[in-house]
Amino acid sequence: METKYDVFISDSAKDMLRQHVRFLGKVSLPAAKRLSAAYRESIKDLEKNPERFPFLEMDGIPTRLYRKCLFFDRYELIFLIIDRAVFVDAVRDCRQDPQKLFS
């Protein structure tokens, strides 16, 4: 039987996702819908096996703490695992300056 993790998404991560979807929706509504669907699939992946995702390597961030889950080609979920819980702290467009997330 597969062990399931509880996934908790911070309010700031939810806001980030809304901003990305809203921005993309101005260009292409179908693409915005695909981004939302890819996000939901990534959350399901985190529920099943979050350890399979690589650690985030970024200056100023403790090593081997945060992980990243790439989805929809250029977006990342930034999260950490504590026991059987996954905490999503950010949703990042990889074209953005990563240091902005933690400043």
PDB file of N, CA and C in Angstrom:
ATOM      1  N   MET A   1       0.838  -1.180   0.000  1.00  0.00           N
ATOM      2  CA  MET A   1       0.000   0.000   0.000  1.00  0.00           C
ATOM      3  C   MET A   1       0.889   1.251   0.000  1.00  0.00           C
ATOM      4  N   GLU A   2       0.492   2.227  -0.789  1.00  0.00           N
ATOM      5  CA  GLU A   2       1.249   3.455  -0.936  1.00  0.00           C
ATOM      6  C   GLU A   2       0.968   4.404   0.226  1.00  0.00           C
ATOM      7  N   THR A   3       2.013   4.936   0.819  1.00  0.00           N
ATOM      8  CA  THR A   3       1.866   5.893   1.908  1.00  0.00           C
ATOM      9  C   THR A   3       1.634   7.266   1.317  1.00  0.00           C
ATOM     10  N   LYS A   4       0.666   7.967   1.856  1.00  0.00           N
ATOM     11  CA  LYS A   4       0.334   9.289   1.353  1.00  0.00           C
ATOM     12  C   LYS A   4       0.865  10.363   2.293  1.00  0.00           C
ATOM     13  N   TYR A   5       1.384  11.427   1.708  1.00  0.00           N
ATOM     14  CA  TYR A   5       1.846  12.585   2.455  1.00  0.00           C
ATOM     15  C   TYR A   5       0.725  13.629   2.466  1.00  0.00           C
ATOM     16  N   ASP A   6       0.657  14.387   3.534  1.00  0.00           N
ATOM     17  CA  ASP A   6      -0.247  15.535   3.583  1.00  0.00           C
ATOM     18  C   ASP A   6       0.489  16.716   2.978  1.00  0.00           C
ATOM     19  N   VAL A   7      -0.158  17.439   2.081  1.00  0.00           N
ATOM     20  CA  VAL A   7       0.451  18.598   1.437  1.00  0.00           C
ATOM     21  C   VAL A   7      -0.248  19.857   1.927  1.00  0.00           C
ATOM     22  N   PHE A   8       0.540  20.794   2.417  1.00  0.00           N
ATOM     23  CA  PHE A   8       0.043  22.069   2.902  1.00  0.00           C
ATOM     24  C   PHE A   8       0.641  23.166   2.027  1.00  0.00           C
ATOM     25  N   ILE A   9      -0.204  24.036   1.527  1.00  0.00           N
ATOM     26  CA  ILE A   9       0.243  25.091   0.619  1.00  0.00           C
ATOM     27  C   ILE A   9       0.088  26.436   1.334  1.00  0.00           C
ATOM     28  N   SER A  10       1.171  27.160   1.440  1.00  0.00           N
ATOM     29  CA  SER A  10       1.132  28.447   2.133  1.00  0.00           C
ATOM     30  C   SER A  10       0.271  29.442   1.358  1.00  0.00           C
ATOM     31  N   ASP A  11      -0.230  30.425   2.069  1.00  0.00           N
ATOM     32  CA  ASP A  11      -1.023  31.476   1.421  1.00  0.00           C
ATOM     33  C   ASP A  11      -0.196  32.212   0.376  1.00  0.00           C
ATOM     34  N   SER A  12       1.077  32.435   0.675  1.00  0.00           N
ATOM     35  CA  SER A  12       1.913  33.140  -0.300  1.00  0.00           C
ATOM     36  C   SER A  12       2.120  32.302  -1.566  1.00  0.00           C
ATOM     37  N   ALA A  13       2.245  30.987  -1.426  1.00  0.00           N
ATOM     38  CA  ALA A  13       2.374  30.116  -2.607  1.00  0.00           C
ATOM     39  C   ALA A  13       1.087  30.139  -3.428  1.00  0.00           C
ATOM     40  N   LYS A  14      -0.056  30.147  -2.748  1.00  0.00           N
ATOM     41  CA  LYS A  14      -1.341  30.245  -3.468  1.00  0.00           C
ATOM     42  C   LYS A  14      -1.430  31.561  -4.231  1.00  0.00           C
ATOM     43  N   ASP A  15      -0.996  32.641  -3.585  1.00  0.00           N
ATOM     44  CA  ASP A  15      -1.009  33.948  -4.254  1.00  0.00           C
ATOM     45  C   ASP A  15      -0.084  33.953  -5.464  1.00  0.00           C
ATOM     46  N   MET A  16       1.091  33.342  -5.326  1.00  0.00           N
ATOM     47  CA  MET A  16       2.032  33.272  -6.442  1.00  0.00           C
ATOM     48  C   MET A  16       1.415  32.529  -7.618  1.00  0.00           C
ATOM     49  N   LEU A  17       0.767  31.404  -7.333  1.00  0.00           N
ATOM     50  CA  LEU A  17       0.140  30.641  -8.410  1.00  0.00           C
ATOM     51  C   LEU A  17      -0.945  31.474  -9.083  1.00  0.00           C
ATOM     52  N   ARG A  18      -1.775  32.142  -8.294  1.00  0.00           N
ATOM     53  CA  ARG A  18      -2.832  32.981  -8.877  1.00  0.00           C
ATOM     54  C   ARG A  18      -2.243  34.049  -9.791  1.00  0.00           C
ATOM     55  N   GLN A  19      -1.148  34.661  -9.377  1.00  0.00           N
ATOM     56  CA  GLN A  19      -0.511  35.684 -10.197  1.00  0.00           C
ATOM     57  C   GLN A  19      -0.002  35.103 -11.514  1.00  0.00           C
ATOM     58  N   HIS A  20       0.609  33.924 -11.454  1.00  0.00           N
ATOM     59  CA  HIS A  20       1.121  33.287 -12.669  1.00  0.00           C
ATOM     60  C   HIS A  20      -0.024  32.927 -13.614  1.00  0.00           C
ATOM     61  N   VAL A  21      -1.092  32.370 -13.065  1.00  0.00           N
ATOM     62  CA  VAL A  21      -2.231  31.978 -13.897  1.00  0.00           C
ATOM     63  C   VAL A  21      -2.894  33.221 -14.498  1.00  0.00           C
ATOM     64  N   ARG A  22      -3.052  34.247 -13.699  1.00  0.00           N
ATOM     65  CA  ARG A  22      -3.667  35.489 -14.182  1.00  0.00           C
ATOM     66  C   ARG A  22      -2.827  36.103 -15.304  1.00  0.00           C
ATOM     67  N   PHE A  23      -1.522  36.156 -15.099  1.00  0.00           N
ATOM     68  CA  PHE A  23      -0.634  36.717 -16.121  1.00  0.00           C
ATOM     69  C   PHE A  23      -0.708  35.912 -17.413  1.00  0.00           C
ATOM     70  N   LEU A  24      -0.608  34.590 -17.291  1.00  0.00           N
ATOM     71  CA  LEU A  24      -0.656  33.730 -18.475  1.00  0.00           C
ATOM     72  C   LEU A  24      -2.023  33.803 -19.148  1.00  0.00           C
ATOM     73  N   GLY A  25      -3.083  33.945 -18.351  1.00  0.00           N
ATOM     74  CA  GLY A  25      -4.436  34.042 -18.901  1.00  0.00           C
ATOM     75  C   GLY A  25      -4.640  35.250 -19.786  1.00  0.00           C
ATOM     76  N   LYS A  26      -3.875  36.299 -19.554  1.00  0.00           N
ATOM     77  CA  LYS A  26      -3.970  37.488 -20.408  1.00  0.00           C
ATOM     78  C   LYS A  26      -3.430  37.210 -21.802  1.00  0.00           C
ATOM     79  N   VAL A  27      -2.518  36.251 -21.883  1.00  0.00           N
ATOM     80  CA  VAL A  27      -1.908  35.885 -23.163  1.00  0.00           C
ATOM     81  C   VAL A  27      -2.684  34.743 -23.818  1.00  0.00           C
ATOM     82  N   SER A  28      -3.012  33.731 -23.010  1.00  0.00           N
ATOM     83  CA  SER A  28      -3.677  32.539 -23.536  1.00  0.00           C
ATOM     84  C   SER A  28      -4.479  31.859 -22.427  1.00  0.00           C
ATOM     85  N   LEU A  29      -5.791  31.903 -22.544  1.00  0.00           N
ATOM     86  CA  LEU A  29      -6.639  31.248 -21.552  1.00  0.00           C
ATOM     87  C   LEU A  29      -6.421  29.729 -21.539  1.00  0.00           C
ATOM     88  N   PRO A  30      -6.305  29.062 -22.685  1.00  0.00           N
ATOM     89  CA  PRO A  30      -6.022  27.621 -22.652  1.00  0.00           C
ATOM     90  C   PRO A  30      -4.703  27.292 -21.951  1.00  0.00           C
ATOM     91  N   ALA A  31      -3.680  28.111 -22.165  1.00  0.00           N
ATOM     92  CA  ALA A  31      -2.393  27.872 -21.499  1.00  0.00           C
ATOM     93  C   ALA A  31      -2.531  28.053 -19.990  1.00  0.00           C
ATOM     94  N   ALA A  32      -3.302  29.032 -19.558  1.00  0.00           N
ATOM     95  CA  ALA A  32      -3.526  29.245 -18.128  1.00  0.00           C
ATOM     96  C   ALA A  32      -4.238  28.043 -17.513  1.00  0.00           C
ATOM     97  N   LYS A  33      -5.169  27.468 -18.243  1.00  0.00           N
ATOM     98  CA  LYS A  33      -5.871  26.277 -17.755  1.00  0.00           C
ATOM     99  C   LYS A  33      -4.921  25.079 -17.682  1.00  0.00           C
ATOM    100  N   ARG A  34      -4.019  24.957 -18.650  1.00  0.00           N
ATOM    101  CA  ARG A  34      -3.044  23.868 -18.622  1.00  0.00           C
ATOM    102  C   ARG A  34      -2.063  24.042 -17.462  1.00  0.00           C
ATOM    103  N   LEU A  35      -1.685  25.281 -17.174  1.00  0.00           N
ATOM    104  CA  LEU A  35      -0.814  25.554 -16.030  1.00  0.00           C
ATOM    105  C   LEU A  35      -1.500  25.114 -14.733  1.00  0.00           C
ATOM    106  N   SER A  36      -2.766  25.458 -14.573  1.00  0.00           N
ATOM    107  CA  SER A  36      -3.511  25.057 -13.371  1.00  0.00           C
ATOM    108  C   SER A  36      -3.603  23.542 -13.258  1.00  0.00           C
ATOM    109  N   ALA A  37      -3.856  22.882 -14.369  1.00  0.00           N
ATOM    110  CA  ALA A  37      -3.959  21.416 -14.364  1.00  0.00           C
ATOM    111  C   ALA A  37      -2.606  20.783 -14.023  1.00  0.00           C
ATOM    112  N   ALA A  38      -1.526  21.326 -14.579  1.00  0.00           N
ATOM    113  CA  ALA A  38      -0.187  20.796 -14.287  1.00  0.00           C
ATOM    114  C   ALA A  38       0.165  21.001 -12.814  1.00  0.00           C
ATOM    115  N   TYR A  39      -0.253  22.111 -12.252  1.00  0.00           N
ATOM    116  CA  TYR A  39      -0.033  22.369 -10.827  1.00  0.00           C
ATOM    117  C   TYR A  39      -0.751  21.318  -9.982  1.00  0.00           C
ATOM    118  N   ARG A  40      -2.002  21.047 -10.295  1.00  0.00           N
ATOM    119  CA  ARG A  40      -2.769  20.038  -9.539  1.00  0.00           C
ATOM    120  C   ARG A  40      -2.113  18.661  -9.638  1.00  0.00           C
ATOM    121  N   GLU A  41      -1.605  18.306 -10.797  1.00  0.00           N
ATOM    122  CA  GLU A  41      -0.908  17.029 -10.963  1.00  0.00           C
ATOM    123  C   GLU A  41       0.379  16.985 -10.127  1.00  0.00           C
ATOM    124  N   SER A  42       1.076  18.095 -10.066  1.00  0.00           N
ATOM    125  CA  SER A  42       2.303  18.151  -9.261  1.00  0.00           C
ATOM    126  C   SER A  42       1.991  17.980  -7.777  1.00  0.00           C
ATOM    127  N   ILE A  43       0.896  18.547  -7.326  1.00  0.00           N
ATOM    128  CA  ILE A  43       0.493  18.380  -5.924  1.00  0.00           C
ATOM    129  C   ILE A  43       0.203  16.904  -5.654  1.00  0.00           C
ATOM    130  N   LYS A  44      -0.437  16.236  -6.591  1.00  0.00           N
ATOM    131  CA  LYS A  44      -0.682  14.790  -6.445  1.00  0.00           C
ATOM    132  C   LYS A  44       0.633  14.020  -6.362  1.00  0.00           C
ATOM    133  N   ASP A  45       1.622  14.427  -7.160  1.00  0.00           N
ATOM    134  CA  ASP A  45       2.938  13.784  -7.107  1.00  0.00           C
ATOM    135  C   ASP A  45       3.584  13.976  -5.735  1.00  0.00           C
ATOM    136  N   LEU A  46       3.420  15.165  -5.159  1.00  0.00           N
ATOM    137  CA  LEU A  46       3.978  15.423  -3.829  1.00  0.00           C
ATOM    138  C   LEU A  46       3.306  14.559  -2.769  1.00  0.00           C
ATOM    139  N   GLU A  47       2.024  14.291  -2.939  1.00  0.00           N
ATOM    140  CA  GLU A  47       1.308  13.423  -1.990  1.00  0.00           C
ATOM    141  C   GLU A  47       1.853  12.001  -2.025  1.00  0.00           C
ATOM    142  N   LYS A  48       2.306  11.578  -3.196  1.00  0.00           N
ATOM    143  CA  LYS A  48       2.757  10.189  -3.362  1.00  0.00           C
ATOM    144  C   LYS A  48       4.214   9.978  -2.983  1.00  0.00           C
ATOM    145  N   ASN A  49       5.110  10.838  -3.504  1.00  0.00           N
ATOM    146  CA  ASN A  49       6.536  10.588  -3.305  1.00  0.00           C
ATOM    147  C   ASN A  49       7.347  11.878  -3.439  1.00  0.00           C
ATOM    148  N   PRO A  50       7.293  12.742  -2.443  1.00  0.00           N
ATOM    149  CA  PRO A  50       8.013  14.011  -2.573  1.00  0.00           C
ATOM    150  C   PRO A  50       9.531  13.878  -2.524  1.00  0.00           C
ATOM    151  N   GLU A  51      10.042  12.762  -1.980  1.00  0.00           N
ATOM    152  CA  GLU A  51      11.495  12.593  -1.894  1.00  0.00           C
ATOM    153  C   GLU A  51      12.155  12.416  -3.252  1.00  0.00           C
ATOM    154  N   ARG A  52      11.396  12.118  -4.268  1.00  0.00           N
ATOM    155  CA  ARG A  52      11.987  11.893  -5.588  1.00  0.00           C
ATOM    156  C   ARG A  52      12.459  13.175  -6.258  1.00  0.00           C
ATOM    157  N   PHE A  53      12.043  14.325  -5.710  1.00  0.00           N
ATOM    158  CA  PHE A  53      12.422  15.603  -6.304  1.00  0.00           C
ATOM    159  C   PHE A  53      13.749  16.083  -5.732  1.00  0.00           C
ATOM    160  N   PRO A  54      14.545  16.766  -6.555  1.00  0.00           N
ATOM    161  CA  PRO A  54      15.881  17.188  -6.111  1.00  0.00           C
ATOM    162  C   PRO A  54      15.826  18.328  -5.095  1.00  0.00           C
ATOM    163  N   PHE A  55      16.916  18.435  -4.355  1.00  0.00           N
ATOM    164  CA  PHE A  55      17.047  19.536  -3.412  1.00  0.00           C
ATOM    165  C   PHE A  55      17.283  20.838  -4.166  1.00  0.00           C
ATOM    166  N   LEU A  56      16.801  21.903  -3.586  1.00  0.00           N
ATOM    167  CA  LEU A  56      17.009  23.242  -4.119  1.00  0.00           C
ATOM    168  C   LEU A  56      18.400  23.701  -3.704  1.00  0.00           C
ATOM    169  N   GLU A  57      19.182  24.119  -4.671  1.00  0.00           N
ATOM    170  CA  GLU A  57      20.521  24.635  -4.386  1.00  0.00           C
ATOM    171  C   GLU A  57      20.533  26.113  -4.733  1.00  0.00           C
ATOM    172  N   MET A  58      20.581  26.933  -3.678  1.00  0.00           N
ATOM    173  CA  MET A  58      20.509  28.372  -3.869  1.00  0.00           C
ATOM    174  C   MET A  58      21.302  29.052  -2.761  1.00  0.00           C
ATOM    175  N   ASP A  59      22.059  30.067  -3.123  1.00  0.00           N
ATOM    176  CA  ASP A  59      22.823  30.815  -2.127  1.00  0.00           C
ATOM    177  C   ASP A  59      21.892  31.350  -1.051  1.00  0.00           C
ATOM    178  N   GLY A  60      22.334  31.220   0.205  1.00  0.00           N
ATOM    179  CA  GLY A  60      21.561  31.748   1.316  1.00  0.00           C
ATOM    180  C   GLY A  60      20.498  30.813   1.854  1.00  0.00           C
ATOM    181  N   ILE A  61      20.305  29.662   1.207  1.00  0.00           N
ATOM    182  CA  ILE A  61      19.317  28.686   1.647  1.00  0.00           C
ATOM    183  C   ILE A  61      20.077  27.480   2.205  1.00  0.00           C
ATOM    184  N   PRO A  62      19.719  27.019   3.396  1.00  0.00           N
ATOM    185  CA  PRO A  62      20.417  25.839   3.944  1.00  0.00           C
ATOM    186  C   PRO A  62      20.336  24.659   2.972  1.00  0.00           C
ATOM    187  N   THR A  63      21.450  23.967   2.819  1.00  0.00           N
ATOM    188  CA  THR A  63      21.484  22.826   1.906  1.00  0.00           C
ATOM    189  C   THR A  63      20.618  21.692   2.433  1.00  0.00           C
ATOM    190  N   ARG A  64      20.066  20.965   1.511  1.00  0.00           N
ATOM    191  CA  ARG A  64      19.265  19.768   1.797  1.00  0.00           C
ATOM    192  C   ARG A  64      18.062  20.068   2.700  1.00  0.00           C
ATOM    193  N   LEU A  65      17.462  21.242   2.512  1.00  0.00           N
ATOM    194  CA  LEU A  65      16.260  21.588   3.266  1.00  0.00           C
ATOM    195  C   LEU A  65      15.066  21.666   2.319  1.00  0.00           C
ATOM    196  N   TYR A  66      15.132  22.582   1.379  1.00  0.00           N
ATOM    197  CA  TYR A  66      14.046  22.742   0.412  1.00  0.00           C
ATOM    198  C   TYR A  66      14.294  21.865  -0.806  1.00  0.00           C
ATOM    199  N   ARG A  67      13.209  21.453  -1.413  1.00  0.00           N
ATOM    200  CA  ARG A  67      13.245  20.708  -2.672  1.00  0.00           C
ATOM    201  C   ARG A  67      12.474  21.497  -3.713  1.00  0.00           C
ATOM    202  N   LYS A  68      12.616  21.076  -4.969  1.00  0.00           N
ATOM    203  CA  LYS A  68      11.914  21.748  -6.058  1.00  0.00           C
ATOM    204  C   LYS A  68      11.259  20.726  -6.976  1.00  0.00           C
ATOM    205  N   CYS A  69      10.096  21.087  -7.435  1.00  0.00           N
ATOM    206  CA  CYS A  69       9.338  20.244  -8.362  1.00  0.00           C
ATOM    207  C   CYS A  69       9.025  21.075  -9.596  1.00  0.00           C
ATOM    208  N   LEU A  70       9.668  20.748 -10.694  1.00  0.00           N
ATOM    209  CA  LEU A  70       9.443  21.457 -11.951  1.00  0.00           C
ATOM    210  C   LEU A  70       8.135  20.969 -12.578  1.00  0.00           C
ATOM    211  N   PHE A  71       7.322  21.928 -13.047  1.00  0.00           N
ATOM    212  CA  PHE A  71       6.090  21.565 -13.748  1.00  0.00           C
ATOM    213  C   PHE A  71       5.798  22.597 -14.830  1.00  0.00           C
ATOM    214  N   PHE A  72       5.046  22.195 -15.798  1.00  0.00           N
ATOM    215  CA  PHE A  72       4.642  23.055 -16.922  1.00  0.00           C
ATOM    216  C   PHE A  72       5.851  23.757 -17.537  1.00  0.00           C
ATOM    217  N   ASP A  73       6.919  23.035 -17.699  1.00  0.00           N
ATOM    218  CA  ASP A  73       8.156  23.440 -18.375  1.00  0.00           C
ATOM    219  C   ASP A  73       9.009  24.468 -17.643  1.00  0.00           C
ATOM    220  N   ARG A  74       8.413  25.445 -16.980  1.00  0.00           N
ATOM    221  CA  ARG A  74       9.247  26.503 -16.405  1.00  0.00           C
ATOM    222  C   ARG A  74       8.773  27.022 -15.051  1.00  0.00           C
ATOM    223  N   TYR A  75       7.951  26.269 -14.391  1.00  0.00           N
ATOM    224  CA  TYR A  75       7.490  26.659 -13.055  1.00  0.00           C
ATOM    225  C   TYR A  75       7.985  25.639 -12.041  1.00  0.00           C
ATOM    226  N   GLU A  76       8.241  26.112 -10.819  1.00  0.00           N
ATOM    227  CA  GLU A  76       8.717  25.232  -9.750  1.00  0.00           C
ATOM    228  C   GLU A  76       7.860  25.403  -8.507  1.00  0.00           C
ATOM    229  N   LEU A  77       7.592  24.281  -7.885  1.00  0.00           N
ATOM    230  CA  LEU A  77       7.062  24.289  -6.525  1.00  0.00           C
ATOM    231  C   LEU A  77       8.274  24.184  -5.613  1.00  0.00           C
ATOM    232  N   ILE A  78       8.397  25.082  -4.671  1.00  0.00           N
ATOM    233  CA  ILE A  78       9.485  25.050  -3.695  1.00  0.00           C
ATOM    234  C   ILE A  78       8.865  24.548  -2.393  1.00  0.00           C
ATOM    235  N   PHE A  79       9.396  23.436  -1.878  1.00  0.00           N
ATOM    236  CA  PHE A  79       8.754  22.809  -0.722  1.00  0.00           C
ATOM    237  C   PHE A  79       9.770  22.144   0.191  1.00  0.00           C
ATOM    238  N   LEU A  80       9.312  21.829   1.390  1.00  0.00           N
ATOM    239  CA  LEU A  80      10.124  21.038   2.303  1.00  0.00           C
ATOM    240  C   LEU A  80       9.266  19.931   2.893  1.00  0.00           C
ATOM    241  N   ILE A  81       9.926  18.904   3.366  1.00  0.00           N
ATOM    242  CA  ILE A  81       9.254  17.727   3.922  1.00  0.00           C
ATOM    243  C   ILE A  81       9.598  17.635   5.401  1.00  0.00           C
ATOM    244  N   ILE A  82       8.575  17.494   6.210  1.00  0.00           N
ATOM    245  CA  ILE A  82       8.756  17.256   7.643  1.00  0.00           C
ATOM    246  C   ILE A  82       7.871  16.068   8.004  1.00  0.00           C
ATOM    247  N   ASP A  83       8.504  14.970   8.378  1.00  0.00           N
ATOM    248  CA  ASP A  83       7.803  13.715   8.664  1.00  0.00           C
ATOM    249  C   ASP A  83       6.954  13.320   7.465  1.00  0.00           C
ATOM    250  N   ARG A  84       5.658  13.225   7.614  1.00  0.00           N
ATOM    251  CA  ARG A  84       4.764  12.814   6.517  1.00  0.00           C
ATOM    252  C   ARG A  84       4.000  14.017   5.955  1.00  0.00           C
ATOM    253  N   ALA A  85       4.566  15.207   6.135  1.00  0.00           N
ATOM    254  CA  ALA A  85       3.928  16.428   5.651  1.00  0.00           C
ATOM    255  C   ALA A  85       4.843  17.152   4.664  1.00  0.00           C
ATOM    256  N   VAL A  86       4.239  17.712   3.644  1.00  0.00           N
ATOM    257  CA  VAL A  86       4.939  18.499   2.634  1.00  0.00           C
ATOM    258  C   VAL A  86       4.397  19.923   2.730  1.00  0.00           C
ATOM    259  N   PHE A  87       5.306  20.880   2.823  1.00  0.00           N
ATOM    260  CA  PHE A  87       4.930  22.282   2.939  1.00  0.00           C
ATOM    261  C   PHE A  87       5.409  23.030   1.703  1.00  0.00           C
ATOM    262  N   VAL A  88       4.469  23.447   0.865  1.00  0.00           N
ATOM    263  CA  VAL A  88       4.799  24.210  -0.339  1.00  0.00           C
ATOM    264  C   VAL A  88       4.857  25.674   0.064  1.00  0.00           C
ATOM    265  N   ASP A  89       6.037  26.272  -0.097  1.00  0.00           N
ATOM    266  CA  ASP A  89       6.240  27.654   0.323  1.00  0.00           C
ATOM    267  C   ASP A  89       6.251  28.648  -0.829  1.00  0.00           C
ATOM    268  N   ALA A  90       6.454  28.166  -2.062  1.00  0.00           N
ATOM    269  CA  ALA A  90       6.528  29.096  -3.188  1.00  0.00           C
ATOM    270  C   ALA A  90       6.191  28.384  -4.489  1.00  0.00           C
ATOM    271  N   VAL A  91       5.680  29.168  -5.427  1.00  0.00           N
ATOM    272  CA  VAL A  91       5.471  28.729  -6.803  1.00  0.00           C
ATOM    273  C   VAL A  91       6.213  29.755  -7.649  1.00  0.00           C
ATOM    274  N   ARG A  92       7.243  29.312  -8.327  1.00  0.00           N
ATOM    275  CA  ARG A  92       8.160  30.225  -9.007  1.00  0.00           C
ATOM    276  C   ARG A  92       8.205  29.988 -10.500  1.00  0.00           C
ATOM    277  N   ASP A  93       8.176  31.066 -11.250  1.00  0.00           N
ATOM    278  CA  ASP A  93       8.485  31.028 -12.667  1.00  0.00           C
ATOM    279  C   ASP A  93      10.010  31.016 -12.739  1.00  0.00           C
ATOM    280  N   CYS A  94      10.592  30.016 -13.345  1.00  0.00           N
ATOM    281  CA  CYS A  94      12.048  29.844 -13.358  1.00  0.00           C
ATOM    282  C   CYS A  94      12.782  30.971 -14.071  1.00  0.00           C
ATOM    283  N   ARG A  95      12.047  31.810 -14.784  1.00  0.00           N
ATOM    284  CA  ARG A  95      12.680  32.953 -15.441  1.00  0.00           C
ATOM    285  C   ARG A  95      12.885  34.112 -14.462  1.00  0.00           C
ATOM    286  N   GLN A  96      12.292  34.029 -13.277  1.00  0.00           N
ATOM    287  CA  GLN A  96      12.431  35.069 -12.271  1.00  0.00           C
ATOM    288  C   GLN A  96      13.732  34.897 -11.496  1.00  0.00           C
ATOM    289  N   ASP A  97      14.161  35.971 -10.877  1.00  0.00           N
ATOM    290  CA  ASP A  97      15.344  35.935 -10.018  1.00  0.00           C
ATOM    291  C   ASP A  97      15.009  35.091  -8.789  1.00  0.00           C
ATOM    292  N   PRO A  98      15.687  33.975  -8.566  1.00  0.00           N
ATOM    293  CA  PRO A  98      15.347  33.100  -7.446  1.00  0.00           C
ATOM    294  C   PRO A  98      15.574  33.754  -6.083  1.00  0.00           C
ATOM    295  N   GLN A  99      16.469  34.713  -6.001  1.00  0.00           N
ATOM    296  CA  GLN A  99      16.757  35.352  -4.715  1.00  0.00           C
ATOM    297  C   GLN A  99      15.567  36.184  -4.220  1.00  0.00           C
ATOM    298  N   LYS A 100      14.681  36.589  -5.108  1.00  0.00           N
ATOM    299  CA  LYS A 100      13.495  37.360  -4.721  1.00  0.00           C
ATOM    300  C   LYS A 100      12.565  36.556  -3.822  1.00  0.00           C
ATOM    301  N   LEU A 101      12.585  35.248  -3.966  1.00  0.00           N
ATOM    302  CA  LEU A 101      11.679  34.400  -3.191  1.00  0.00           C
ATOM    303  C   LEU A 101      11.960  34.483  -1.704  1.00  0.00           C
ATOM    304  N   PHE A 102      13.203  34.579  -1.335  1.00  0.00           N
ATOM    305  CA  PHE A 102      13.586  34.457   0.065  1.00  0.00           C
ATOM    306  C   PHE A 102      14.183  35.753   0.621  1.00  0.00           C
ATOM    307  N   SER A 103      13.929  36.861  -0.051  1.00  0.00           N
ATOM    308  CA  SER A 103      14.477  38.132   0.446  1.00  0.00           C
ATOM    309  C   SER A 103      13.472  38.865   1.311  1.00  0.00           C
TER     310      SER A 103
END
